[in-house]
Amino acid sequence: MKDGLRIDGRKPDELRKIKIEAGVLYRADGSCYIEWGGNKILAAVYGPREALPRHIQNPTKALVNARYNMASFSVEERKKPGPDRRSTEISKVISEALESVIFTELFPRTTIDICIEVLDAEAGTRCAGITAAAVALADAGIPMYDIPVACAAGKVDGVVVLDLTSDEDKEGEADLPVAIAPRSEEILLMQMDGHLTYKEFEEALELAIKGCREVAKLQKEALLRKYSKEVE
């Protein structure tokens, strides 16, 4: 921090640049592309479709399976292809966060598959992935009581800041990714790395939710752009 500004020139409560586009993949039931700072992420939704093999079927609801994957070329040093412990954990928490807003009881014995591919990574990929996946679900026409959105706050040089860059994530003291259902502001996911005092935690949570509100507007604009074109 220098003169109240961060190393990339942003104010503490300012988001990186975000671009969201809905319906970018022809063969998916729903899809989304998001650029969030240096992150470039594609999300695709397939289903609801019959869950196979049949022994995994739930007779009362659909299964929601999110698969978060970082491409080998998404980071500076080439990453080993395939799932690792981190991607497995993030896939699980994203599945749970998204399932909580979907009316899964409408589609018993089916599965809803959500593929999140990180093409370029620069901190905050799980938040950007959830945000893109939520737009892809809406694009696929999956019934939800709200469109989830995520954003992170953290602490850098003793200051609570919004939407950390990669350098801030590495050098900072804490990172707090949060996903919410924006209409009710119900918290769907919250994780924390590092240390915050209770006061700092409250400040970071409030800042993350403020960021979520701003990103939620961009999600709706992306969906409106796609469907207003189709109506025309």
C-alpha atoms as a PDB file:
ATOM      1  CA  MET A   1       0.000   0.000   0.000  1.00  0.00           C
ATOM      2  CA  LYS A   2       1.260   3.478  -0.899  1.00  0.00           C
ATOM      3  CA  ASP A   3      -0.632   6.754  -0.424  1.00  0.00           C
ATOM      4  CA  GLY A   4      -3.803   4.760   0.265  1.00  0.00           C
ATOM      5  CA  LEU A   5      -3.583   2.870  -3.034  1.00  0.00           C
ATOM      6  CA  ARG A   6      -2.600  -0.722  -3.790  1.00  0.00           C
ATOM      7  CA  ILE A   7       0.252  -1.898  -6.009  1.00  0.00           C
ATOM      8  CA  ASP A   8      -2.059  -2.005  -9.052  1.00  0.00           C
ATOM      9  CA  GLY A   9      -3.420   1.486  -8.325  1.00  0.00           C
ATOM     10  CA  ARG A  10      -6.813   0.391  -6.954  1.00  0.00           C
ATOM     11  CA  LYS A  11      -8.451   1.735  -3.820  1.00  0.00           C
ATOM     12  CA  PRO A  12      -8.885  -0.773  -0.963  1.00  0.00           C
ATOM     13  CA  ASP A  13     -12.594  -1.276  -1.787  1.00  0.00           C
ATOM     14  CA  GLU A  14     -12.225  -1.479  -5.576  1.00  0.00           C
ATOM     15  CA  LEU A  15     -12.710  -4.581  -7.747  1.00  0.00           C
ATOM     16  CA  ARG A  16     -10.458  -5.626 -10.625  1.00  0.00           C
ATOM     17  CA  LYS A  17     -11.939  -5.265 -14.126  1.00  0.00           C
ATOM     18  CA  ILE A  18     -14.606  -7.895 -14.836  1.00  0.00           C
ATOM     19  CA  LYS A  19     -16.143  -9.018 -18.136  1.00  0.00           C
ATOM     20  CA  ILE A  20     -18.910 -11.652 -18.239  1.00  0.00           C
ATOM     21  CA  GLU A  21     -20.434 -13.236 -21.348  1.00  0.00           C
ATOM     22  CA  ALA A  22     -23.307 -15.755 -21.264  1.00  0.00           C
ATOM     23  CA  GLY A  23     -24.000 -18.549 -23.750  1.00  0.00           C
ATOM     24  CA  VAL A  24     -20.559 -18.820 -25.339  1.00  0.00           C
ATOM     25  CA  LEU A  25     -20.558 -22.605 -25.968  1.00  0.00           C
ATOM     26  CA  TYR A  26     -22.857 -24.059 -28.615  1.00  0.00           C
ATOM     27  CA  ARG A  27     -22.998 -27.675 -27.346  1.00  0.00           C
ATOM     28  CA  ALA A  28     -23.499 -26.990 -23.637  1.00  0.00           C
ATOM     29  CA  ASP A  29     -26.990 -26.493 -22.193  1.00  0.00           C
ATOM     30  CA  GLY A  30     -25.692 -23.319 -20.568  1.00  0.00           C
ATOM     31  CA  SER A  31     -22.324 -21.593 -20.493  1.00  0.00           C
ATOM     32  CA  CYS A  32     -20.402 -18.523 -19.447  1.00  0.00           C
ATOM     33  CA  TYR A  33     -16.992 -16.933 -19.996  1.00  0.00           C
ATOM     34  CA  ILE A  34     -15.569 -14.605 -17.380  1.00  0.00           C
ATOM     35  CA  GLU A  35     -12.482 -12.404 -17.275  1.00  0.00           C
ATOM     36  CA  TRP A  36     -11.802 -11.156 -13.765  1.00  0.00           C
ATOM     37  CA  GLY A  37      -8.489  -9.345 -13.490  1.00  0.00           C
ATOM     38  CA  GLY A  38      -6.009 -11.846 -14.940  1.00  0.00           C
ATOM     39  CA  ASN A  39      -8.388 -14.789 -14.538  1.00  0.00           C
ATOM     40  CA  LYS A  40      -9.956 -16.287 -17.668  1.00  0.00           C
ATOM     41  CA  ILE A  41     -12.520 -18.989 -16.931  1.00  0.00           C
ATOM     42  CA  LEU A  42     -15.097 -20.981 -18.908  1.00  0.00           C
ATOM     43  CA  ALA A  43     -18.093 -22.644 -17.252  1.00  0.00           C
ATOM     44  CA  ALA A  44     -20.434 -25.132 -18.941  1.00  0.00           C
ATOM     45  CA  VAL A  45     -23.608 -26.805 -17.638  1.00  0.00           C
ATOM     46  CA  TYR A  46     -25.066 -30.120 -18.845  1.00  0.00           C
ATOM     47  CA  GLY A  47     -28.411 -31.422 -17.681  1.00  0.00           C
ATOM     48  CA  PRO A  48     -30.560 -32.220 -15.897  1.00  0.00           C
ATOM     49  CA  ARG A  49     -29.977 -35.653 -17.456  1.00  0.00           C
ATOM     50  CA  GLU A  50     -30.377 -39.224 -16.230  1.00  0.00           C
ATOM     51  CA  ALA A  51     -27.796 -40.008 -13.555  1.00  0.00           C
ATOM     52  CA  LEU A  52     -25.629 -42.949 -14.572  1.00  0.00           C
ATOM     53  CA  PRO A  53     -24.769 -45.515 -13.363  1.00  0.00           C
ATOM     54  CA  ARG A  54     -28.238 -45.923 -11.898  1.00  0.00           C
ATOM     55  CA  HIS A  55     -27.059 -46.831  -8.393  1.00  0.00           C
ATOM     56  CA  ILE A  56     -25.972 -43.177  -7.859  1.00  0.00           C
ATOM     57  CA  GLN A  57     -29.495 -41.884  -8.602  1.00  0.00           C
ATOM     58  CA  ASN A  58     -31.358 -40.115  -5.807  1.00  0.00           C
ATOM     59  CA  PRO A  59     -35.148 -40.743  -6.128  1.00  0.00           C
ATOM     60  CA  THR A  60     -35.921 -37.428  -4.389  1.00  0.00           C
ATOM     61  CA  LYS A  61     -33.625 -34.919  -6.087  1.00  0.00           C
ATOM     62  CA  ALA A  62     -31.000 -34.157  -8.733  1.00  0.00           C
ATOM     63  CA  LEU A  63     -27.300 -34.572  -8.012  1.00  0.00           C
ATOM     64  CA  VAL A  64     -25.211 -31.438  -8.532  1.00  0.00           C
ATOM     65  CA  ASN A  65     -21.645 -32.192  -9.615  1.00  0.00           C
ATOM     66  CA  ALA A  66     -19.260 -29.299 -10.101  1.00  0.00           C
ATOM     67  CA  ARG A  67     -15.811 -30.031 -11.520  1.00  0.00           C
ATOM     68  CA  TYR A  68     -13.241 -27.268 -11.062  1.00  0.00           C
ATOM     69  CA  ASN A  69     -10.081 -27.727 -13.104  1.00  0.00           C
ATOM     70  CA  MET A  70      -7.023 -25.571 -13.716  1.00  0.00           C
ATOM     71  CA  ALA A  71      -5.503 -26.066 -17.155  1.00  0.00           C
ATOM     72  CA  SER A  72      -1.830 -27.039 -17.238  1.00  0.00           C
ATOM     73  CA  PHE A  73      -1.004 -23.716 -18.908  1.00  0.00           C
ATOM     74  CA  SER A  74      -3.090 -21.569 -16.536  1.00  0.00           C
ATOM     75  CA  VAL A  75      -0.193 -20.814 -14.176  1.00  0.00           C
ATOM     76  CA  GLU A  76       3.421 -19.653 -14.665  1.00  0.00           C
ATOM     77  CA  GLU A  77       4.953 -23.061 -14.002  1.00  0.00           C
ATOM     78  CA  ARG A  78       3.183 -25.779 -15.989  1.00  0.00           C
ATOM     79  CA  LYS A  79       0.764 -27.662 -13.731  1.00  0.00           C
ATOM     80  CA  LYS A  80       0.489 -31.457 -13.807  1.00  0.00           C
ATOM     81  CA  PRO A  81      -2.743 -32.337 -15.688  1.00  0.00           C
ATOM     82  CA  GLY A  82      -5.671 -33.881 -13.842  1.00  0.00           C
ATOM     83  CA  PRO A  83      -7.367 -33.393 -10.473  1.00  0.00           C
ATOM     84  CA  ASP A  84      -5.331 -32.671  -7.350  1.00  0.00           C
ATOM     85  CA  ARG A  85      -6.260 -32.205  -3.707  1.00  0.00           C
ATOM     86  CA  ARG A  86      -6.988 -28.475  -4.121  1.00  0.00           C
ATOM     87  CA  SER A  87      -9.232 -28.882  -7.175  1.00  0.00           C
ATOM     88  CA  THR A  88     -11.095 -31.769  -5.509  1.00  0.00           C
ATOM     89  CA  GLU A  89     -11.772 -29.626  -2.425  1.00  0.00           C
ATOM     90  CA  ILE A  90     -12.866 -26.608  -4.474  1.00  0.00           C
ATOM     91  CA  SER A  91     -15.122 -28.824  -6.644  1.00  0.00           C
ATOM     92  CA  LYS A  92     -16.837 -30.107  -3.491  1.00  0.00           C
ATOM     93  CA  VAL A  93     -17.454 -26.695  -1.902  1.00  0.00           C
ATOM     94  CA  ILE A  94     -18.682 -25.230  -5.201  1.00  0.00           C
ATOM     95  CA  SER A  95     -21.083 -28.184  -5.678  1.00  0.00           C
ATOM     96  CA  GLU A  96     -22.521 -27.618  -2.191  1.00  0.00           C
ATOM     97  CA  ALA A  97     -22.826 -23.845  -2.661  1.00  0.00           C
ATOM     98  CA  LEU A  98     -24.646 -24.168  -5.999  1.00  0.00           C
ATOM     99  CA  GLU A  99     -26.852 -27.076  -4.905  1.00  0.00           C
ATOM    100  CA  SER A 100     -28.238 -24.957  -2.065  1.00  0.00           C
ATOM    101  CA  VAL A 101     -29.949 -22.557  -4.524  1.00  0.00           C
ATOM    102  CA  ILE A 102     -31.151 -25.078  -7.139  1.00  0.00           C
ATOM    103  CA  PHE A 103     -34.643 -26.607  -6.930  1.00  0.00           C
ATOM    104  CA  THR A 104     -33.118 -30.104  -7.141  1.00  0.00           C
ATOM    105  CA  GLU A 105     -36.354 -31.771  -6.016  1.00  0.00           C
ATOM    106  CA  LEU A 106     -37.852 -30.964  -9.439  1.00  0.00           C
ATOM    107  CA  PHE A 107     -35.447 -33.383 -11.174  1.00  0.00           C
ATOM    108  CA  PRO A 108     -35.240 -36.687  -9.255  1.00  0.00           C
ATOM    109  CA  ARG A 109     -32.846 -39.393 -10.514  1.00  0.00           C
ATOM    110  CA  THR A 110     -30.905 -36.885 -12.630  1.00  0.00           C
ATOM    111  CA  THR A 111     -27.573 -35.138 -12.507  1.00  0.00           C
ATOM    112  CA  ILE A 112     -26.624 -31.547 -13.243  1.00  0.00           C
ATOM    113  CA  ASP A 113     -22.971 -31.362 -14.285  1.00  0.00           C
ATOM    114  CA  ILE A 114     -21.044 -28.096 -14.065  1.00  0.00           C
ATOM    115  CA  CYS A 115     -17.578 -27.908 -15.635  1.00  0.00           C
ATOM    116  CA  ILE A 116     -15.366 -24.982 -14.618  1.00  0.00           C
ATOM    117  CA  GLU A 117     -12.141 -24.664 -16.601  1.00  0.00           C
ATOM    118  CA  VAL A 118      -9.557 -22.127 -15.469  1.00  0.00           C
ATOM    119  CA  LEU A 119      -7.620 -21.055 -18.577  1.00  0.00           C
ATOM    120  CA  ASP A 120      -5.587 -18.288 -16.923  1.00  0.00           C
ATOM    121  CA  ALA A 121      -5.248 -17.960 -13.148  1.00  0.00           C
ATOM    122  CA  GLU A 122      -4.497 -14.815 -11.139  1.00  0.00           C
ATOM    123  CA  ALA A 123      -5.977 -15.218  -7.615  1.00  0.00           C
ATOM    124  CA  GLY A 124      -9.679 -15.535  -6.839  1.00  0.00           C
ATOM    125  CA  THR A 125     -10.349 -18.394  -9.264  1.00  0.00           C
ATOM    126  CA  ARG A 126     -12.901 -20.103  -7.003  1.00  0.00           C
ATOM    127  CA  CYS A 127     -14.935 -16.870  -6.702  1.00  0.00           C
ATOM    128  CA  ALA A 128     -14.741 -16.234 -10.434  1.00  0.00           C
ATOM    129  CA  GLY A 129     -15.591 -19.906 -11.085  1.00  0.00           C
ATOM    130  CA  ILE A 130     -18.710 -19.813  -8.887  1.00  0.00           C
ATOM    131  CA  THR A 131     -19.805 -16.536 -10.493  1.00  0.00           C
ATOM    132  CA  ALA A 132     -19.382 -17.982 -14.005  1.00  0.00           C
ATOM    133  CA  ALA A 133     -21.043 -21.296 -13.070  1.00  0.00           C
ATOM    134  CA  ALA A 134     -24.076 -19.440 -11.695  1.00  0.00           C
ATOM    135  CA  VAL A 135     -24.524 -17.551 -14.984  1.00  0.00           C
ATOM    136  CA  ALA A 136     -24.128 -20.820 -16.910  1.00  0.00           C
ATOM    137  CA  LEU A 137     -26.836 -22.450 -14.733  1.00  0.00           C
ATOM    138  CA  ALA A 138     -29.194 -19.541 -15.417  1.00  0.00           C
ATOM    139  CA  ASP A 139     -28.332 -19.761 -19.132  1.00  0.00           C
ATOM    140  CA  ALA A 140     -29.243 -23.476 -19.042  1.00  0.00           C
ATOM    141  CA  GLY A 141     -32.643 -22.611 -17.549  1.00  0.00           C
ATOM    142  CA  ILE A 142     -31.991 -24.470 -14.296  1.00  0.00           C
ATOM    143  CA  PRO A 143     -34.596 -23.289 -11.740  1.00  0.00           C
ATOM    144  CA  MET A 144     -32.918 -21.459  -8.845  1.00  0.00           C
ATOM    145  CA  TYR A 145     -34.267 -19.182  -6.140  1.00  0.00           C
ATOM    146  CA  ASP A 146     -31.346 -16.812  -6.771  1.00  0.00           C
ATOM    147  CA  ILE A 147     -28.192 -16.491  -8.901  1.00  0.00           C
ATOM    148  CA  PRO A 148     -25.186 -17.078  -6.627  1.00  0.00           C
ATOM    149  CA  VAL A 149     -22.218 -14.741  -6.771  1.00  0.00           C
ATOM    150  CA  ALA A 150     -18.841 -14.757  -5.059  1.00  0.00           C
ATOM    151  CA  CYS A 151     -16.097 -12.308  -4.171  1.00  0.00           C
ATOM    152  CA  ALA A 152     -13.138 -12.270  -1.781  1.00  0.00           C
ATOM    153  CA  ALA A 153     -11.716  -9.758   0.645  1.00  0.00           C
ATOM    154  CA  GLY A 154      -8.468  -9.984   2.568  1.00  0.00           C
ATOM    155  CA  LYS A 155      -5.801  -8.139   4.482  1.00  0.00           C
ATOM    156  CA  VAL A 156      -2.665  -6.612   2.958  1.00  0.00           C
ATOM    157  CA  ASP A 157      -0.129  -4.492   4.875  1.00  0.00           C
ATOM    158  CA  GLY A 158      -2.567  -4.335   7.784  1.00  0.00           C
ATOM    159  CA  VAL A 159      -5.400  -2.972   5.595  1.00  0.00           C
ATOM    160  CA  VAL A 160      -8.604  -4.853   4.761  1.00  0.00           C
ATOM    161  CA  VAL A 161      -8.990  -4.836   0.954  1.00  0.00           C
ATOM    162  CA  LEU A 162     -11.382  -6.173  -1.669  1.00  0.00           C
ATOM    163  CA  ASP A 163     -10.550  -8.678  -4.441  1.00  0.00           C
ATOM    164  CA  LEU A 164      -6.881  -9.574  -3.957  1.00  0.00           C
ATOM    165  CA  THR A 165      -4.402  -9.845  -6.821  1.00  0.00           C
ATOM    166  CA  SER A 166      -2.000 -12.754  -7.051  1.00  0.00           C
ATOM    167  CA  ASP A 167       0.811 -10.775  -5.369  1.00  0.00           C
ATOM    168  CA  GLU A 168      -1.530  -9.604  -2.601  1.00  0.00           C
ATOM    169  CA  ASP A 169      -2.734 -13.189  -2.126  1.00  0.00           C
ATOM    170  CA  LYS A 170       0.860 -14.442  -1.748  1.00  0.00           C
ATOM    171  CA  GLU A 171       2.191 -11.581   0.395  1.00  0.00           C
ATOM    172  CA  GLY A 172      -0.979 -10.621   2.294  1.00  0.00           C
ATOM    173  CA  GLU A 173      -2.007 -11.680   5.777  1.00  0.00           C
ATOM    174  CA  ALA A 174      -5.473 -13.135   5.040  1.00  0.00           C
ATOM    175  CA  ASP A 175      -7.924 -14.109   2.292  1.00  0.00           C
ATOM    176  CA  LEU A 176     -11.694 -14.490   2.793  1.00  0.00           C
ATOM    177  CA  PRO A 177     -13.656 -15.840  -0.238  1.00  0.00           C
ATOM    178  CA  VAL A 178     -17.418 -15.514   0.196  1.00  0.00           C
ATOM    179  CA  ALA A 179     -20.366 -16.657  -1.958  1.00  0.00           C
ATOM    180  CA  ILE A 180     -23.885 -15.390  -1.352  1.00  0.00           C
ATOM    181  CA  ALA A 181     -27.419 -15.519  -2.706  1.00  0.00           C
ATOM    182  CA  PRO A 182     -27.580 -11.768  -3.432  1.00  0.00           C
ATOM    183  CA  ARG A 183     -31.301 -11.126  -2.885  1.00  0.00           C
ATOM    184  CA  SER A 184     -31.295 -12.463   0.681  1.00  0.00           C
ATOM    185  CA  GLU A 185     -27.510 -12.129   1.221  1.00  0.00           C
ATOM    186  CA  GLU A 186     -27.563 -15.664   2.613  1.00  0.00           C
ATOM    187  CA  ILE A 187     -23.982 -16.935   2.821  1.00  0.00           C
ATOM    188  CA  LEU A 188     -23.490 -20.042   0.643  1.00  0.00           C
ATOM    189  CA  LEU A 189     -19.731 -20.434   1.040  1.00  0.00           C
ATOM    190  CA  MET A 190     -17.124 -18.849   3.278  1.00  0.00           C
ATOM    191  CA  GLN A 191     -13.519 -19.922   3.744  1.00  0.00           C
ATOM    192  CA  MET A 192     -10.584 -18.144   5.324  1.00  0.00           C
ATOM    193  CA  ASP A 193      -6.824 -18.418   4.983  1.00  0.00           C
ATOM    194  CA  GLY A 194      -4.599 -16.439   7.359  1.00  0.00           C
ATOM    195  CA  HIS A 195      -5.462 -14.439  10.451  1.00  0.00           C
ATOM    196  CA  LEU A 196      -7.925 -11.606  11.083  1.00  0.00           C
ATOM    197  CA  THR A 197      -9.105 -10.043  14.333  1.00  0.00           C
ATOM    198  CA  TYR A 198     -12.862 -10.217  14.907  1.00  0.00           C
ATOM    199  CA  LYS A 199     -13.207  -6.554  13.898  1.00  0.00           C
ATOM    200  CA  GLU A 200     -11.140  -7.125  10.738  1.00  0.00           C
ATOM    201  CA  PHE A 201     -13.189 -10.234   9.932  1.00  0.00           C
ATOM    202  CA  GLU A 202     -16.432  -8.236  10.162  1.00  0.00           C
ATOM    203  CA  GLU A 203     -14.935  -5.512   7.959  1.00  0.00           C
ATOM    204  CA  ALA A 204     -13.681  -8.066   5.402  1.00  0.00           C
ATOM    205  CA  LEU A 205     -17.043  -9.877   5.303  1.00  0.00           C
ATOM    206  CA  GLU A 206     -18.913  -6.620   4.743  1.00  0.00           C
ATOM    207  CA  LEU A 207     -16.469  -5.667   1.982  1.00  0.00           C
ATOM    208  CA  ALA A 208     -16.757  -9.086   0.293  1.00  0.00           C
ATOM    209  CA  ILE A 209     -20.571  -8.834   0.310  1.00  0.00           C
ATOM    210  CA  LYS A 210     -20.324  -5.316  -1.161  1.00  0.00           C
ATOM    211  CA  GLY A 211     -18.165  -6.803  -3.937  1.00  0.00           C
ATOM    212  CA  CYS A 212     -20.715  -9.581  -4.478  1.00  0.00           C
ATOM    213  CA  ARG A 213     -23.474  -6.996  -4.965  1.00  0.00           C
ATOM    214  CA  GLU A 214     -21.428  -5.241  -7.668  1.00  0.00           C
ATOM    215  CA  VAL A 215     -20.572  -8.499  -9.467  1.00  0.00           C
ATOM    216  CA  ALA A 216     -24.231  -9.630  -9.306  1.00  0.00           C
ATOM    217  CA  LYS A 217     -25.171  -6.595 -11.422  1.00  0.00           C
ATOM    218  CA  LEU A 218     -22.640  -7.690 -14.077  1.00  0.00           C
ATOM    219  CA  GLN A 219     -24.092 -11.235 -14.064  1.00  0.00           C
ATOM    220  CA  LYS A 220     -27.588  -9.918 -14.751  1.00  0.00           C
ATOM    221  CA  GLU A 221     -26.321  -7.559 -17.471  1.00  0.00           C
ATOM    222  CA  ALA A 222     -24.576 -10.501 -19.207  1.00  0.00           C
ATOM    223  CA  LEU A 223     -27.781 -12.573 -19.199  1.00  0.00           C
ATOM    224  CA  LEU A 224     -29.859  -9.619 -20.369  1.00  0.00           C
ATOM    225  CA  ARG A 225     -27.420  -8.950 -23.248  1.00  0.00           C
ATOM    226  CA  LYS A 226     -27.726 -12.543 -24.475  1.00  0.00           C
ATOM    227  CA  TYR A 227     -31.503 -12.884 -24.193  1.00  0.00           C
ATOM    228  CA  SER A 228     -32.370  -9.393 -25.425  1.00  0.00           C
ATOM    229  CA  LYS A 229     -30.456 -10.280 -28.635  1.00  0.00           C
ATOM    230  CA  GLU A 230     -32.489 -13.486 -29.011  1.00  0.00           C
ATOM    231  CA  VAL A 231     -35.783 -11.598 -28.562  1.00  0.00           C
ATOM    232  CA  GLU A 232     -34.732  -9.098 -31.253  1.00  0.00           C
END
